[in-house]
């Protein structure tokens, strides 16, 4: 499965919101040293009930707009 989403680091809660424009993930982790990317993988693994190793950030490692592949 491929997902395109927008990530907002430094939020008050970890939340996934769906809108007509796409999905937005709000994360409490800051956007430095890859902490937000790690938190995103942890959050999506819990949300979709898959192992963290089955989630990969395909595009957008340093961007708020990301493409995610979930096996």
N, C-alpha and C. Protein backbone atom coordinates (compact mmCIF):
# COMPACT_ATOMS: atom_id res chain seq x y z
N UNK A 1 0.85 -1.16 0.00
CA UNK A 1 0.00 0.00 0.00
C UNK A 1 0.90 1.24 0.00
N UNK A 2 0.56 2.23 -0.79
CA UNK A 2 1.27 3.50 -0.85
C UNK A 2 0.41 4.58 -0.22
N UNK A 3 1.00 5.40 0.62
CA UNK A 3 0.31 6.53 1.22
C UNK A 3 1.07 7.81 0.93
N UNK A 4 0.35 8.87 0.65
CA UNK A 4 0.96 10.19 0.56
C UNK A 4 0.33 11.00 1.67
N UNK A 5 1.18 11.59 2.51
CA UNK A 5 0.65 12.32 3.63
C UNK A 5 1.52 13.51 3.98
N UNK A 6 0.95 14.38 4.78
CA UNK A 6 1.66 15.55 5.28
C UNK A 6 1.90 15.33 6.76
N UNK A 7 3.10 15.65 7.22
CA UNK A 7 3.47 15.45 8.61
C UNK A 7 3.69 16.80 9.27
N UNK A 8 3.08 16.98 10.43
CA UNK A 8 3.24 18.20 11.21
C UNK A 8 3.92 17.81 12.53
N UNK A 9 5.24 18.07 12.66
CA UNK A 9 5.92 17.73 13.91
C UNK A 9 5.68 18.80 14.98
N UNK A 10 5.93 18.44 16.24
CA UNK A 10 5.80 19.38 17.34
C UNK A 10 4.37 19.66 17.76
N UNK A 11 3.46 18.74 17.46
CA UNK A 11 2.05 18.92 17.83
C UNK A 11 1.83 18.52 19.29
N UNK A 12 0.65 18.77 19.79
CA UNK A 12 0.33 18.41 21.18
C UNK A 12 0.03 16.92 21.34
N UNK A 13 -0.54 16.32 20.29
CA UNK A 13 -0.91 14.89 20.34
C UNK A 13 -0.53 14.24 19.02
N UNK A 14 -0.36 12.92 19.06
CA UNK A 14 -0.18 12.14 17.84
C UNK A 14 -1.56 11.82 17.29
N UNK A 15 -1.88 12.40 16.13
CA UNK A 15 -3.22 12.24 15.54
C UNK A 15 -3.09 12.06 14.03
N UNK A 16 -3.97 11.24 13.47
CA UNK A 16 -4.09 11.09 12.03
C UNK A 16 -5.43 11.67 11.61
N UNK A 17 -5.40 12.67 10.72
CA UNK A 17 -6.63 13.28 10.23
C UNK A 17 -6.72 13.04 8.73
N UNK A 18 -7.92 12.67 8.29
CA UNK A 18 -8.16 12.48 6.87
C UNK A 18 -9.05 13.61 6.37
N UNK A 19 -8.69 14.14 5.20
CA UNK A 19 -9.45 15.22 4.58
C UNK A 19 -9.50 14.94 3.08
N UNK A 20 -10.34 15.66 2.35
CA UNK A 20 -10.39 15.47 0.89
C UNK A 20 -9.04 15.71 0.21
N UNK A 21 -8.21 16.61 0.78
CA UNK A 21 -6.91 16.90 0.18
C UNK A 21 -5.90 15.79 0.45
N UNK A 22 -6.13 14.96 1.45
CA UNK A 22 -5.20 13.88 1.79
C UNK A 22 -5.14 13.69 3.30
N UNK A 23 -4.18 12.89 3.71
CA UNK A 23 -4.03 12.58 5.12
C UNK A 23 -2.96 13.47 5.74
N UNK A 24 -3.19 13.88 6.99
CA UNK A 24 -2.23 14.66 7.74
C UNK A 24 -1.98 13.95 9.06
N UNK A 25 -0.69 13.81 9.41
CA UNK A 25 -0.32 13.19 10.66
C UNK A 25 0.34 14.25 11.53
N UNK A 26 -0.20 14.44 12.72
CA UNK A 26 0.36 15.36 13.70
C UNK A 26 1.16 14.54 14.70
N UNK A 27 2.42 14.90 14.91
CA UNK A 27 3.31 14.16 15.80
C UNK A 27 3.87 15.06 16.89
N UNK A 28 4.04 14.52 18.08
CA UNK A 28 4.61 15.29 19.18
C UNK A 28 6.13 15.41 19.05
N UNK A 29 6.76 14.54 18.29
CA UNK A 29 8.22 14.55 18.15
C UNK A 29 8.68 15.79 17.36
N UNK A 30 9.85 16.31 17.72
CA UNK A 30 10.39 17.45 16.97
C UNK A 30 10.96 17.02 15.62
N UNK A 31 11.17 17.98 14.75
CA UNK A 31 11.65 17.68 13.40
C UNK A 31 13.17 17.82 13.31
N UNK A 32 13.89 17.25 14.26
CA UNK A 32 15.35 17.28 14.17
C UNK A 32 15.94 15.91 14.45
N UNK A 33 17.06 15.62 13.84
CA UNK A 33 17.78 14.35 14.00
C UNK A 33 16.94 13.13 13.64
N UNK A 34 15.96 13.29 12.76
CA UNK A 34 15.15 12.15 12.32
C UNK A 34 14.14 11.66 13.34
N UNK A 35 13.93 12.41 14.41
CA UNK A 35 12.99 11.98 15.46
C UNK A 35 11.56 11.92 14.95
N UNK A 36 11.17 12.87 14.12
CA UNK A 36 9.80 12.87 13.59
C UNK A 36 9.59 11.69 12.63
N UNK A 37 10.58 11.35 11.83
CA UNK A 37 10.45 10.20 10.93
C UNK A 37 10.31 8.90 11.72
N UNK A 38 11.10 8.74 12.78
CA UNK A 38 11.00 7.54 13.61
C UNK A 38 9.64 7.49 14.29
N UNK A 39 9.18 8.63 14.80
CA UNK A 39 7.87 8.68 15.45
C UNK A 39 6.75 8.38 14.45
N UNK A 40 6.92 8.84 13.21
CA UNK A 40 5.92 8.56 12.17
C UNK A 40 5.82 7.06 11.91
N UNK A 41 6.95 6.39 11.79
CA UNK A 41 6.95 4.95 11.55
C UNK A 41 6.32 4.22 12.74
N UNK A 42 6.66 4.62 13.96
CA UNK A 42 6.06 4.01 15.16
C UNK A 42 4.55 4.21 15.17
N UNK A 43 4.11 5.43 14.87
CA UNK A 43 2.68 5.76 14.89
C UNK A 43 1.92 4.96 13.83
N UNK A 44 2.45 4.92 12.61
CA UNK A 44 1.77 4.19 11.53
C UNK A 44 1.75 2.69 11.79
N UNK A 45 2.81 2.15 12.39
CA UNK A 45 2.83 0.73 12.72
C UNK A 45 1.73 0.39 13.72
N UNK A 46 1.53 1.24 14.72
CA UNK A 46 0.46 1.02 15.68
C UNK A 46 -0.91 1.22 15.03
N UNK A 47 -1.05 2.24 14.21
CA UNK A 47 -2.34 2.56 13.59
C UNK A 47 -2.80 1.45 12.63
N UNK A 48 -1.89 0.94 11.80
CA UNK A 48 -2.25 -0.08 10.82
C UNK A 48 -1.98 -1.50 11.32
N UNK A 49 -1.48 -1.63 12.54
CA UNK A 49 -1.21 -2.93 13.16
C UNK A 49 -0.27 -3.79 12.30
N UNK A 50 0.87 -3.21 11.93
CA UNK A 50 1.91 -3.93 11.20
C UNK A 50 3.24 -3.71 11.91
N UNK A 51 4.22 -4.52 11.56
CA UNK A 51 5.54 -4.37 12.14
C UNK A 51 6.21 -3.11 11.59
N UNK A 52 7.05 -2.48 12.40
CA UNK A 52 7.76 -1.28 11.96
C UNK A 52 8.64 -1.56 10.76
N UNK A 53 9.15 -2.78 10.67
CA UNK A 53 10.04 -3.14 9.56
C UNK A 53 9.29 -3.20 8.23
N UNK A 54 7.96 -3.22 8.25
CA UNK A 54 7.16 -3.27 7.02
C UNK A 54 6.78 -1.88 6.52
N UNK A 55 7.28 -0.84 7.19
CA UNK A 55 6.96 0.54 6.81
C UNK A 55 8.25 1.22 6.36
N UNK A 56 8.17 1.88 5.20
CA UNK A 56 9.34 2.56 4.65
C UNK A 56 8.94 3.93 4.13
N UNK A 57 9.76 4.93 4.44
CA UNK A 57 9.56 6.27 3.88
C UNK A 57 10.27 6.28 2.53
N UNK A 58 9.49 6.29 1.46
CA UNK A 58 10.03 6.19 0.10
C UNK A 58 10.52 7.54 -0.39
N UNK A 59 9.80 8.59 -0.05
CA UNK A 59 10.13 9.92 -0.54
C UNK A 59 9.80 10.94 0.53
N UNK A 60 10.67 11.94 0.70
CA UNK A 60 10.38 13.04 1.61
C UNK A 60 11.00 12.92 2.98
N UNK A 61 12.19 12.33 3.09
CA UNK A 61 12.83 12.18 4.39
C UNK A 61 13.01 13.53 5.10
N UNK A 62 13.28 14.58 4.36
CA UNK A 62 13.51 15.89 4.96
C UNK A 62 12.41 16.88 4.62
N UNK A 63 11.24 16.37 4.26
CA UNK A 63 10.12 17.21 3.87
C UNK A 63 8.91 16.87 4.72
N UNK A 64 7.96 17.78 4.78
CA UNK A 64 6.70 17.49 5.48
C UNK A 64 5.77 16.63 4.64
N UNK A 65 5.96 16.65 3.33
CA UNK A 65 5.16 15.82 2.43
C UNK A 65 5.93 14.53 2.16
N UNK A 66 5.33 13.41 2.52
CA UNK A 66 6.02 12.13 2.44
C UNK A 66 5.21 11.10 1.67
N UNK A 67 5.93 10.17 1.08
CA UNK A 67 5.31 9.00 0.44
C UNK A 67 5.79 7.80 1.25
N UNK A 68 4.83 7.02 1.73
CA UNK A 68 5.10 5.89 2.61
C UNK A 68 4.67 4.60 1.90
N UNK A 69 5.48 3.57 2.06
CA UNK A 69 5.12 2.24 1.53
C UNK A 69 4.94 1.31 2.73
N UNK A 70 3.78 0.66 2.78
CA UNK A 70 3.49 -0.31 3.84
C UNK A 70 3.25 -1.67 3.18
N UNK A 71 4.01 -2.66 3.62
CA UNK A 71 3.86 -4.02 3.08
C UNK A 71 2.66 -4.71 3.67
